[in-house]
Amino acid sequence: MEAPAFDLIESDPAVLQGKPCIKGTRLSVEFILELLATGATQAEILDGWPDLTAEAVAQALRFAASSMRSDVIIAVRPAS
């Protein structure tokens, strides 16, 4: 089985100390999970953060699930 692609998730040491984030934003996977865990719907999240896409939210969830199953390695941008 092929590992899932996380092309919308990145880790940059200059952004939120390298936490996995939605690419091009300062929205961490952890933040997306917290919003959902506290009852926010996907529609509310997308309304609150217009630059976010439904696919990015879905990918954040898949990334979190995958990282709970096993080590997930994503490319880390070199510090600039």
N, C-alpha and C. Protein backbone atom coordinates (compact mmCIF):
# COMPACT_ATOMS: atom_id res chain seq x y z
N MET A 1 0.83 -1.18 0.00
CA MET A 1 0.00 0.00 0.00
C MET A 1 0.87 1.25 0.00
N GLU A 2 0.57 2.17 -0.88
CA GLU A 2 1.36 3.39 -1.02
C GLU A 2 1.05 4.35 0.12
N ALA A 3 2.09 5.01 0.62
CA ALA A 3 1.91 6.00 1.69
C ALA A 3 1.12 7.19 1.14
N PRO A 4 0.24 7.75 1.97
CA PRO A 4 -0.54 8.91 1.51
C PRO A 4 0.35 10.11 1.26
N ALA A 5 -0.01 10.90 0.27
CA ALA A 5 0.74 12.12 -0.04
C ALA A 5 0.18 13.26 0.79
N PHE A 6 1.06 14.07 1.29
CA PHE A 6 0.68 15.23 2.08
C PHE A 6 1.27 16.49 1.45
N ASP A 7 0.87 16.77 0.23
CA ASP A 7 1.45 17.89 -0.49
C ASP A 7 0.97 19.25 0.02
N LEU A 8 -0.06 19.27 0.86
CA LEU A 8 -0.54 20.53 1.42
C LEU A 8 -0.06 20.77 2.85
N ILE A 9 0.75 19.84 3.35
CA ILE A 9 1.29 19.95 4.71
C ILE A 9 2.79 20.18 4.61
N GLU A 10 3.27 21.16 5.36
CA GLU A 10 4.72 21.40 5.37
C GLU A 10 5.18 21.74 6.78
N SER A 11 6.46 21.58 6.97
CA SER A 11 7.10 21.92 8.24
C SER A 11 8.25 22.86 7.93
N ASP A 12 8.18 24.06 8.47
CA ASP A 12 9.19 25.09 8.24
C ASP A 12 9.65 25.58 9.60
N PRO A 13 10.93 25.43 9.92
CA PRO A 13 11.42 25.87 11.23
C PRO A 13 11.11 27.34 11.54
N ALA A 14 10.90 28.15 10.51
CA ALA A 14 10.62 29.57 10.71
C ALA A 14 9.13 29.83 10.97
N VAL A 15 8.29 28.80 10.85
CA VAL A 15 6.85 28.97 11.05
C VAL A 15 6.41 28.04 12.19
N LEU A 16 5.92 28.63 13.25
CA LEU A 16 5.41 27.87 14.40
C LEU A 16 6.39 26.80 14.88
N GLN A 17 7.65 27.15 14.88
CA GLN A 17 8.72 26.26 15.35
C GLN A 17 8.74 24.91 14.66
N GLY A 18 8.32 24.89 13.40
CA GLY A 18 8.40 23.67 12.60
C GLY A 18 7.22 22.72 12.75
N LYS A 19 6.15 23.14 13.45
CA LYS A 19 4.96 22.28 13.54
C LYS A 19 4.40 22.05 12.14
N PRO A 20 3.87 20.88 11.86
CA PRO A 20 3.23 20.65 10.56
C PRO A 20 2.07 21.63 10.38
N CYS A 21 2.10 22.35 9.25
CA CYS A 21 1.10 23.38 8.95
C CYS A 21 0.54 23.18 7.56
N ILE A 22 -0.59 23.83 7.32
CA ILE A 22 -1.13 23.89 5.97
C ILE A 22 -0.19 24.79 5.18
N LYS A 23 0.29 24.29 4.06
CA LYS A 23 1.26 25.00 3.24
C LYS A 23 0.78 26.42 2.94
N GLY A 24 1.69 27.38 3.10
CA GLY A 24 1.40 28.77 2.79
C GLY A 24 0.61 29.50 3.86
N THR A 25 0.39 28.85 5.01
CA THR A 25 -0.36 29.47 6.09
C THR A 25 0.41 29.30 7.40
N ARG A 26 -0.10 29.90 8.43
CA ARG A 26 0.41 29.66 9.77
C ARG A 26 -0.61 28.85 10.57
N LEU A 27 -1.40 28.05 9.86
CA LEU A 27 -2.42 27.21 10.49
C LEU A 27 -1.86 25.80 10.65
N SER A 28 -1.63 25.42 11.89
CA SER A 28 -1.04 24.10 12.13
C SER A 28 -2.10 23.00 12.05
N VAL A 29 -1.64 21.81 11.79
CA VAL A 29 -2.51 20.63 11.82
C VAL A 29 -3.14 20.54 13.21
N GLU A 30 -2.37 20.80 14.22
CA GLU A 30 -2.86 20.78 15.60
C GLU A 30 -4.03 21.76 15.78
N PHE A 31 -3.93 22.97 15.22
CA PHE A 31 -4.98 23.97 15.32
C PHE A 31 -6.26 23.50 14.63
N ILE A 32 -6.11 22.91 13.45
CA ILE A 32 -7.28 22.39 12.72
C ILE A 32 -7.96 21.30 13.56
N LEU A 33 -7.18 20.41 14.14
CA LEU A 33 -7.74 19.35 14.98
C LEU A 33 -8.45 19.94 16.20
N GLU A 34 -7.87 20.95 16.81
CA GLU A 34 -8.48 21.58 17.98
C GLU A 34 -9.81 22.22 17.62
N LEU A 35 -9.87 22.90 16.46
CA LEU A 35 -11.13 23.49 16.02
C LEU A 35 -12.21 22.42 15.87
N LEU A 36 -11.87 21.33 15.21
CA LEU A 36 -12.83 20.26 15.01
C LEU A 36 -13.22 19.59 16.34
N ALA A 37 -12.24 19.41 17.22
CA ALA A 37 -12.50 18.76 18.50
C ALA A 37 -13.40 19.60 19.41
N THR A 38 -13.39 20.91 19.22
CA THR A 38 -14.22 21.78 20.05
C THR A 38 -15.56 22.07 19.40
N GLY A 39 -15.84 21.37 18.29
CA GLY A 39 -17.18 21.45 17.71
C GLY A 39 -17.33 22.27 16.45
N ALA A 40 -16.27 22.88 15.97
CA ALA A 40 -16.37 23.64 14.72
C ALA A 40 -16.64 22.68 13.56
N THR A 41 -17.50 23.10 12.66
CA THR A 41 -17.74 22.30 11.46
C THR A 41 -16.72 22.69 10.39
N GLN A 42 -16.60 21.86 9.38
CA GLN A 42 -15.71 22.20 8.28
C GLN A 42 -16.15 23.50 7.64
N ALA A 43 -17.45 23.69 7.47
CA ALA A 43 -17.97 24.93 6.86
C ALA A 43 -17.58 26.15 7.70
N GLU A 44 -17.67 26.03 9.02
CA GLU A 44 -17.29 27.15 9.89
C GLU A 44 -15.81 27.46 9.79
N ILE A 45 -15.01 26.42 9.70
CA ILE A 45 -13.56 26.61 9.57
C ILE A 45 -13.25 27.30 8.24
N LEU A 46 -13.86 26.83 7.17
CA LEU A 46 -13.61 27.44 5.86
C LEU A 46 -14.12 28.87 5.80
N ASP A 47 -15.22 29.17 6.48
CA ASP A 47 -15.72 30.55 6.55
C ASP A 47 -14.77 31.45 7.34
N GLY A 48 -14.21 30.91 8.41
CA GLY A 48 -13.33 31.70 9.27
C GLY A 48 -11.95 31.92 8.68
N TRP A 49 -11.51 31.05 7.82
CA TRP A 49 -10.18 31.14 7.21
C TRP A 49 -10.33 30.92 5.71
N PRO A 50 -10.70 31.99 4.98
CA PRO A 50 -11.05 31.87 3.56
C PRO A 50 -9.93 31.33 2.66
N ASP A 51 -8.69 31.43 3.08
CA ASP A 51 -7.59 30.90 2.27
C ASP A 51 -7.46 29.39 2.40
N LEU A 52 -8.14 28.82 3.36
CA LEU A 52 -8.11 27.38 3.59
C LEU A 52 -9.06 26.68 2.63
N THR A 53 -8.72 25.48 2.22
CA THR A 53 -9.59 24.71 1.33
C THR A 53 -10.09 23.46 2.06
N ALA A 54 -11.17 22.90 1.55
CA ALA A 54 -11.71 21.66 2.12
C ALA A 54 -10.67 20.55 2.02
N GLU A 55 -9.93 20.51 0.92
CA GLU A 55 -8.90 19.48 0.76
C GLU A 55 -7.80 19.65 1.79
N ALA A 56 -7.43 20.88 2.12
CA ALA A 56 -6.40 21.11 3.13
C ALA A 56 -6.85 20.61 4.50
N VAL A 57 -8.11 20.86 4.85
CA VAL A 57 -8.65 20.37 6.12
C VAL A 57 -8.66 18.84 6.12
N ALA A 58 -9.11 18.25 5.04
CA ALA A 58 -9.14 16.79 4.93
C ALA A 58 -7.73 16.22 5.02
N GLN A 59 -6.78 16.87 4.37
CA GLN A 59 -5.41 16.37 4.39
C GLN A 59 -4.81 16.50 5.79
N ALA A 60 -5.17 17.56 6.51
CA ALA A 60 -4.70 17.71 7.89
C ALA A 60 -5.21 16.54 8.75
N LEU A 61 -6.45 16.16 8.55
CA LEU A 61 -7.01 15.03 9.29
C LEU A 61 -6.31 13.72 8.92
N ARG A 62 -6.08 13.52 7.61
CA ARG A 62 -5.39 12.30 7.18
C ARG A 62 -3.96 12.27 7.71
N PHE A 63 -3.30 13.42 7.71
CA PHE A 63 -1.94 13.51 8.23
C PHE A 63 -1.92 13.14 9.71
N ALA A 64 -2.85 13.69 10.48
CA ALA A 64 -2.91 13.40 11.91
C ALA A 64 -3.17 11.92 12.15
N ALA A 65 -4.11 11.35 11.41
CA ALA A 65 -4.42 9.93 11.57
C ALA A 65 -3.21 9.07 11.21
N SER A 66 -2.56 9.42 10.13
CA SER A 66 -1.39 8.66 9.69
C SER A 66 -0.25 8.78 10.70
N SER A 67 -0.07 9.96 11.25
CA SER A 67 1.02 10.13 12.21
C SER A 67 0.76 9.39 13.51
N MET A 68 -0.51 9.14 13.82
CA MET A 68 -0.84 8.35 15.00
C MET A 68 -0.56 6.86 14.77
N ARG A 69 -0.66 6.42 13.51
CA ARG A 69 -0.41 5.02 13.18
C ARG A 69 1.08 4.71 13.15
N SER A 70 1.85 5.65 12.63
CA SER A 70 3.27 5.40 12.46
C SER A 70 4.00 6.72 12.29
N ASP A 71 5.29 6.63 12.24
CA ASP A 71 6.07 7.83 11.99
C ASP A 71 5.76 8.34 10.59
N VAL A 72 5.51 9.63 10.49
CA VAL A 72 5.27 10.27 9.22
C VAL A 72 6.40 11.26 9.00
N ILE A 73 7.02 11.15 7.87
CA ILE A 73 8.13 12.05 7.55
C ILE A 73 7.69 12.99 6.47
N ILE A 74 7.83 14.29 6.73
CA ILE A 74 7.56 15.29 5.72
C ILE A 74 8.82 16.12 5.54
N ALA A 75 8.97 16.67 4.38
CA ALA A 75 10.16 17.49 4.12
C ALA A 75 10.12 18.73 4.99
N VAL A 76 11.26 19.06 5.56
CA VAL A 76 11.38 20.26 6.38
C VAL A 76 12.20 21.26 5.59
N ARG A 77 11.66 22.48 5.49
CA ARG A 77 12.41 23.53 4.81
C ARG A 77 13.67 23.84 5.59
N PRO A 78 14.76 24.07 4.88
CA PRO A 78 15.96 24.49 5.59
C PRO A 78 15.74 25.87 6.22
N ALA A 79 16.32 26.09 7.38
CA ALA A 79 16.22 27.40 8.03
C ALA A 79 16.85 28.45 7.15
N SER A 80 16.15 29.58 7.04
CA SER A 80 16.71 30.64 6.20
C SER A 80 17.31 31.76 7.00
